[in-house]
Amino acid sequence: RNYLHRCVENGRDFNVNLGVKNTIITTGLRYSLATGNWGDQRKAASAKAGVSQVLNRYTYASTLSHLRRTNTPIGRDGKIAKP
C-alpha cells in the first residue's frame, strides 16, 4: 500500500504484483462466494448480503426456476430504492 502511494505521488509506474498480495484477493473472493456476503470480512455489518446463492440442481425445472428469480429493490411503500 505504501509502495503504491509513493509511486503515485512521485509519478512513477508501479508493479501491481508488488503492491497487492494475490492471497488477499483470493481469500476475499472465496469468503464472498462461500457466505453470500459481498464485502470486507471485518465490516460484515455493512456488507451486501445475499449476493451469491447455491444453485439448486435437483431437476432441470428446479434449476430454471432458481435462475429466473430476481431481487427487485422496491420497498414496501412502492418507491424504488437507491442501489
N, C-alpha and C. Protein backbone atom coordinates (compact mmCIF):
# COMPACT_ATOMS: atom_id res chain seq x y z
N ARG A 1 0.83 -1.19 0.00
CA ARG A 1 0.00 0.00 0.00
C ARG A 1 0.87 1.25 0.00
N ASN A 2 1.88 1.26 0.86
CA ASN A 2 2.79 2.40 0.88
C ASN A 2 3.55 2.51 -0.43
N TYR A 3 3.88 1.35 -1.00
CA TYR A 3 4.59 1.32 -2.27
C TYR A 3 3.75 1.99 -3.36
N LEU A 4 2.47 1.69 -3.42
CA LEU A 4 1.60 2.29 -4.42
C LEU A 4 1.44 3.79 -4.20
N HIS A 5 1.32 4.21 -2.96
CA HIS A 5 1.20 5.64 -2.65
C HIS A 5 2.45 6.40 -3.10
N ARG A 6 3.61 5.84 -2.79
CA ARG A 6 4.86 6.51 -3.18
C ARG A 6 4.99 6.61 -4.69
N CYS A 7 4.63 5.55 -5.40
CA CYS A 7 4.74 5.57 -6.86
C CYS A 7 3.80 6.59 -7.47
N VAL A 8 2.59 6.68 -6.96
CA VAL A 8 1.62 7.64 -7.49
C VAL A 8 2.05 9.06 -7.19
N GLU A 9 2.52 9.31 -5.97
CA GLU A 9 2.95 10.66 -5.59
C GLU A 9 4.15 11.12 -6.40
N ASN A 10 5.06 10.19 -6.71
CA ASN A 10 6.26 10.54 -7.47
C ASN A 10 6.05 10.46 -8.98
N GLY A 11 4.88 10.02 -9.42
CA GLY A 11 4.60 9.96 -10.84
C GLY A 11 5.30 8.82 -11.56
N ARG A 12 5.68 7.78 -10.83
CA ARG A 12 6.36 6.64 -11.44
C ARG A 12 5.36 5.54 -11.79
N ASP A 13 5.76 4.66 -12.70
CA ASP A 13 4.97 3.47 -12.99
C ASP A 13 5.13 2.50 -11.83
N PHE A 14 4.11 1.70 -11.58
CA PHE A 14 4.19 0.76 -10.47
C PHE A 14 3.83 -0.64 -10.94
N ASN A 15 4.32 -1.60 -10.20
CA ASN A 15 4.05 -3.01 -10.47
C ASN A 15 2.95 -3.47 -9.52
N VAL A 16 1.83 -3.90 -10.08
CA VAL A 16 0.69 -4.29 -9.26
C VAL A 16 1.03 -5.52 -8.42
N ASN A 17 1.86 -6.41 -8.93
CA ASN A 17 2.23 -7.61 -8.17
C ASN A 17 2.98 -7.26 -6.89
N LEU A 18 3.72 -6.18 -6.89
CA LEU A 18 4.42 -5.76 -5.68
C LEU A 18 3.50 -5.02 -4.71
N GLY A 19 2.47 -4.38 -5.22
CA GLY A 19 1.59 -3.57 -4.39
C GLY A 19 0.44 -4.32 -3.75
N VAL A 20 -0.02 -5.40 -4.39
CA VAL A 20 -1.19 -6.13 -3.90
C VAL A 20 -0.84 -7.61 -3.80
N LYS A 21 -1.12 -8.21 -2.65
CA LYS A 21 -0.89 -9.64 -2.49
C LYS A 21 -2.03 -10.41 -3.14
N ASN A 22 -1.68 -11.45 -3.89
CA ASN A 22 -2.72 -12.22 -4.56
C ASN A 22 -3.57 -13.02 -3.57
N THR A 23 -3.05 -13.31 -2.39
CA THR A 23 -3.84 -14.06 -1.41
C THR A 23 -4.99 -13.24 -0.85
N ILE A 24 -4.83 -11.93 -0.79
CA ILE A 24 -5.90 -11.06 -0.29
C ILE A 24 -7.10 -11.13 -1.22
N ILE A 25 -6.85 -11.07 -2.52
CA ILE A 25 -7.94 -11.13 -3.49
C ILE A 25 -8.59 -12.52 -3.47
N THR A 26 -7.77 -13.56 -3.41
CA THR A 26 -8.28 -14.93 -3.42
C THR A 26 -9.14 -15.22 -2.19
N THR A 27 -8.66 -14.87 -1.01
CA THR A 27 -9.43 -15.15 0.21
C THR A 27 -10.70 -14.31 0.27
N GLY A 28 -10.65 -13.08 -0.21
CA GLY A 28 -11.84 -12.24 -0.23
C GLY A 28 -12.91 -12.79 -1.16
N LEU A 29 -12.50 -13.27 -2.33
CA LEU A 29 -13.45 -13.85 -3.27
C LEU A 29 -14.03 -15.16 -2.74
N ARG A 30 -13.20 -15.97 -2.12
CA ARG A 30 -13.69 -17.23 -1.53
C ARG A 30 -14.70 -16.95 -0.42
N TYR A 31 -14.40 -15.98 0.44
CA TYR A 31 -15.31 -15.63 1.53
C TYR A 31 -16.65 -15.15 0.97
N SER A 32 -16.60 -14.30 -0.03
CA SER A 32 -17.83 -13.74 -0.59
C SER A 32 -18.70 -14.81 -1.23
N LEU A 33 -18.09 -15.72 -1.97
CA LEU A 33 -18.86 -16.78 -2.61
C LEU A 33 -19.36 -17.81 -1.61
N ALA A 34 -18.60 -18.06 -0.55
CA ALA A 34 -19.00 -19.06 0.43
C ALA A 34 -20.13 -18.58 1.33
N THR A 35 -20.09 -17.32 1.74
CA THR A 35 -21.09 -16.82 2.69
C THR A 35 -22.23 -16.07 2.02
N GLY A 36 -22.00 -15.53 0.84
CA GLY A 36 -23.02 -14.71 0.18
C GLY A 36 -22.96 -13.26 0.59
N ASN A 37 -22.07 -12.91 1.52
CA ASN A 37 -21.91 -11.53 1.96
C ASN A 37 -20.82 -10.88 1.12
N TRP A 38 -21.21 -9.91 0.30
CA TRP A 38 -20.27 -9.28 -0.61
C TRP A 38 -19.70 -8.05 0.06
N GLY A 39 -18.44 -8.11 0.43
CA GLY A 39 -17.79 -7.00 1.10
C GLY A 39 -16.66 -7.51 1.96
N ASP A 40 -16.13 -6.63 2.78
CA ASP A 40 -14.99 -6.95 3.63
C ASP A 40 -15.43 -7.81 4.80
N GLN A 41 -14.62 -8.81 5.16
CA GLN A 41 -14.94 -9.68 6.29
C GLN A 41 -15.00 -8.89 7.59
N ARG A 42 -14.13 -7.92 7.76
CA ARG A 42 -14.09 -7.16 9.01
C ARG A 42 -15.29 -6.23 9.13
N LYS A 43 -15.89 -5.87 8.02
CA LYS A 43 -17.05 -4.97 8.03
C LYS A 43 -18.29 -5.75 7.61
N ALA A 44 -18.53 -6.88 8.24
CA ALA A 44 -19.63 -7.77 7.84
C ALA A 44 -20.99 -7.09 7.98
N ALA A 45 -21.12 -6.15 8.90
CA ALA A 45 -22.41 -5.48 9.09
C ALA A 45 -22.75 -4.59 7.90
N SER A 46 -21.74 -4.02 7.25
CA SER A 46 -22.00 -3.14 6.12
C SER A 46 -21.93 -3.87 4.78
N ALA A 47 -21.66 -5.17 4.80
CA ALA A 47 -21.56 -5.94 3.56
C ALA A 47 -22.95 -6.17 2.98
N LYS A 48 -23.00 -6.29 1.66
CA LYS A 48 -24.26 -6.56 0.99
C LYS A 48 -24.53 -8.06 1.07
N ALA A 49 -25.62 -8.43 1.69
CA ALA A 49 -25.93 -9.84 1.93
C ALA A 49 -26.74 -10.43 0.78
N GLY A 50 -26.57 -11.73 0.57
CA GLY A 50 -27.39 -12.45 -0.40
C GLY A 50 -26.98 -12.27 -1.83
N VAL A 51 -25.75 -11.90 -2.09
CA VAL A 51 -25.31 -11.68 -3.47
C VAL A 51 -25.12 -13.00 -4.19
N SER A 52 -24.54 -13.98 -3.53
CA SER A 52 -24.36 -15.29 -4.16
C SER A 52 -25.17 -16.33 -3.39
N GLN A 53 -25.73 -17.26 -4.13
CA GLN A 53 -26.52 -18.33 -3.55
C GLN A 53 -26.13 -19.64 -4.20
N VAL A 54 -26.40 -20.73 -3.51
CA VAL A 54 -26.14 -22.05 -4.06
C VAL A 54 -27.22 -22.35 -5.09
N LEU A 55 -26.80 -22.78 -6.27
CA LEU A 55 -27.74 -23.08 -7.34
C LEU A 55 -28.33 -24.47 -7.13
N ASN A 56 -29.65 -24.54 -7.09
CA ASN A 56 -30.37 -25.80 -6.90
C ASN A 56 -30.40 -26.56 -8.22
N ARG A 57 -29.81 -27.75 -8.26
CA ARG A 57 -29.77 -28.55 -9.49
C ARG A 57 -30.39 -29.93 -9.31
N TYR A 58 -31.47 -30.01 -8.55
CA TYR A 58 -32.13 -31.30 -8.37
C TYR A 58 -32.71 -31.79 -9.69
N THR A 59 -33.47 -30.95 -10.33
CA THR A 59 -34.03 -31.27 -11.64
C THR A 59 -33.81 -30.08 -12.56
N TYR A 60 -34.03 -30.30 -13.84
CA TYR A 60 -33.88 -29.22 -14.81
C TYR A 60 -34.89 -28.11 -14.54
N ALA A 61 -36.10 -28.48 -14.19
CA ALA A 61 -37.15 -27.49 -13.92
C ALA A 61 -36.82 -26.67 -12.68
N SER A 62 -36.28 -27.30 -11.63
CA SER A 62 -35.94 -26.54 -10.43
C SER A 62 -34.75 -25.61 -10.68
N THR A 63 -33.83 -26.02 -11.55
CA THR A 63 -32.71 -25.15 -11.91
C THR A 63 -33.21 -23.91 -12.64
N LEU A 64 -34.10 -24.10 -13.61
CA LEU A 64 -34.67 -22.96 -14.33
C LEU A 64 -35.45 -22.04 -13.40
N SER A 65 -36.19 -22.62 -12.47
CA SER A 65 -36.96 -21.83 -11.52
C SER A 65 -36.03 -20.98 -10.65
N HIS A 66 -34.93 -21.58 -10.21
CA HIS A 66 -33.98 -20.86 -9.37
C HIS A 66 -33.31 -19.73 -10.14
N LEU A 67 -32.99 -19.95 -11.41
CA LEU A 67 -32.31 -18.93 -12.21
C LEU A 67 -33.23 -17.78 -12.59
N ARG A 68 -34.53 -18.00 -12.59
CA ARG A 68 -35.45 -16.95 -13.00
C ARG A 68 -35.84 -16.00 -11.87
N ARG A 69 -35.47 -16.34 -10.65
CA ARG A 69 -35.81 -15.48 -9.52
C ARG A 69 -35.02 -14.19 -9.59
N THR A 70 -35.66 -13.11 -9.28
CA THR A 70 -34.99 -11.81 -9.30
C THR A 70 -35.17 -11.12 -7.95
N ASN A 71 -34.31 -10.17 -7.70
CA ASN A 71 -34.38 -9.39 -6.48
C ASN A 71 -34.68 -7.95 -6.89
N THR A 72 -35.91 -7.52 -6.72
CA THR A 72 -36.28 -6.16 -7.10
C THR A 72 -36.10 -5.23 -5.91
N PRO A 73 -35.39 -4.13 -6.11
CA PRO A 73 -35.14 -3.20 -4.99
C PRO A 73 -36.29 -2.23 -4.75
N ILE A 74 -37.50 -2.74 -4.60
CA ILE A 74 -38.66 -1.89 -4.36
C ILE A 74 -39.08 -2.08 -2.91
N GLY A 75 -39.18 -0.98 -2.18
CA GLY A 75 -39.57 -1.05 -0.78
C GLY A 75 -41.06 -1.29 -0.61
N ARG A 76 -41.50 -1.34 0.63
CA ARG A 76 -42.91 -1.60 0.91
C ARG A 76 -43.81 -0.46 0.47
N ASP A 77 -43.26 0.75 0.44
CA ASP A 77 -44.08 1.89 0.06
C ASP A 77 -44.20 2.04 -1.46
N GLY A 78 -43.52 1.19 -2.23
CA GLY A 78 -43.63 1.21 -3.68
C GLY A 78 -42.59 2.06 -4.38
N LYS A 79 -41.76 2.75 -3.61
CA LYS A 79 -40.73 3.57 -4.23
C LYS A 79 -39.49 2.73 -4.50
N ILE A 80 -38.81 3.04 -5.57
CA ILE A 80 -37.61 2.30 -5.92
C ILE A 80 -36.47 2.74 -5.01
N ALA A 81 -35.81 1.77 -4.41
CA ALA A 81 -34.69 2.05 -3.51
C ALA A 81 -33.44 2.38 -4.31
N LYS A 82 -32.56 3.16 -3.72
CA LYS A 82 -31.30 3.50 -4.39
C LYS A 82 -30.37 2.30 -4.35
N PRO A 83 -29.58 2.10 -5.42
CA PRO A 83 -28.67 0.94 -5.45
C PRO A 83 -27.52 1.07 -4.49
